[in-house]
């Protein structure tokens, strides 16, 4: 079967699109998306091409844009281009490059689809991308749901190349003289995905040359298993979860004792409310200790242990969202952000001037466990580079921070001292000095 025949078959079997749809193709200029454009055009679908120029690679980014524009013209399909000030957006929000670029492009795809009448948005992820996602999530400990790879369809977003391997796509491009450009960042092992793509998977493929097809079958089975679990969890939810006045109560005594309780709790809290795996692990540990009153936070929900029950409610505006950070904790969550903690020797620090979303503090001055909470009136600290105290409220006013941003502002404390006004300024008492030996590096990312 040719790639074009397999492409059409995959679309039909999964009911992704029809010839009545108007499909917006997201084309970067790389081989995957350029092949996707060719396949859709050859199959006679009505398509338009959307290209994002994130302006992060100088002339390379502009040359990608030119190639995609020319190929869209050659195919006789509409071309839409958007240039993003990605670096400035990263600076504004504290997001990683991947997070900022993802948010910007999907918001634009949605806006463009509504304006131009596109009924589907096609993304050129393929089988190898899905396998890499499996390993990324495996290393991050996301649970079974994260091991199902990339979804074929989510809302109006479809992924019609998930049946094809990277090798099959490259062979099609060569046979059909499809022009494409190689992103130089794909060769960098700075990113986890590239480490897996360039380092791990080739070694596994040496052991089993049929690794890609084997993993595709594994992912299909894991997806079926998750669907089965979803159905079972919904049955449990009907019995074990009640709702009243905006508060959901998980009655643990209504969960069949034959079921693995921690797994059920994970599925109930993760799927419906967005609690992360390590937060749920801490909650389950607190349950074993009968720690009534302990509170645990997701992005917009708080779970409270209450005499063998778990109460889940929206976070109240006055809730300080207090959590503790033990030494060695890899990450913690505050509002719509996650903080990553990395301990390192001072000799490994190459750059002492870091963006506001990163804090580098003297680890030996810290008193553990640290405390993470929303700021409150009366809080003060000594901003880095200053000698006197400053109220947090005054600092935020001087920085012209909006009211919604103020409500999302967190502080990280050692004892009663603010170590970091999160995402803005460290306390001068915890700065790196000539006497510093050990460093705690904290990175804030929006989730």
Foldseek 3Di string as FASTA:
>chain_A
DAPLVVLVVLCVVVVQDDLVFEEEEEAAQALLSLLVVVSCLVVPHHYAYEYEQACPPPVVSVVSVVLVVVVCVVSVHHYHYDYHPQVVVCLVALADSVVSVVVVVVVVVVVVCVVPVGQAYEYRDELVQQCLQLVVCVVVVQPLVSNLGDDQDDHRYGYSHHDDDPVSSVVVCVVVVRGGDDDPCLCDPPDSSSCCVVPVVVVVCVVPVCVSVVSNVVSVVSVVVVVVVVVVLVVLCVFQWDDDPQKIKGQQVRPPPVDPSLVSQCCVCCPPPNDGDVQSVVVVVCVVVVVFQDWTDGQFWIWGHHRRMIMIGGDDLPFFRKDWAFPPDQWGDAHQKIKGKDKDWPVPDDDQDDRLQKDKFQPVVAAPRKMKTQDDPPDWAAFAPGDDIDTPVVVCVVVVPDPVVSSRWMFIGRVSHTQGRHSHTGGNVGGDDPPGTMIMMMGMHGD
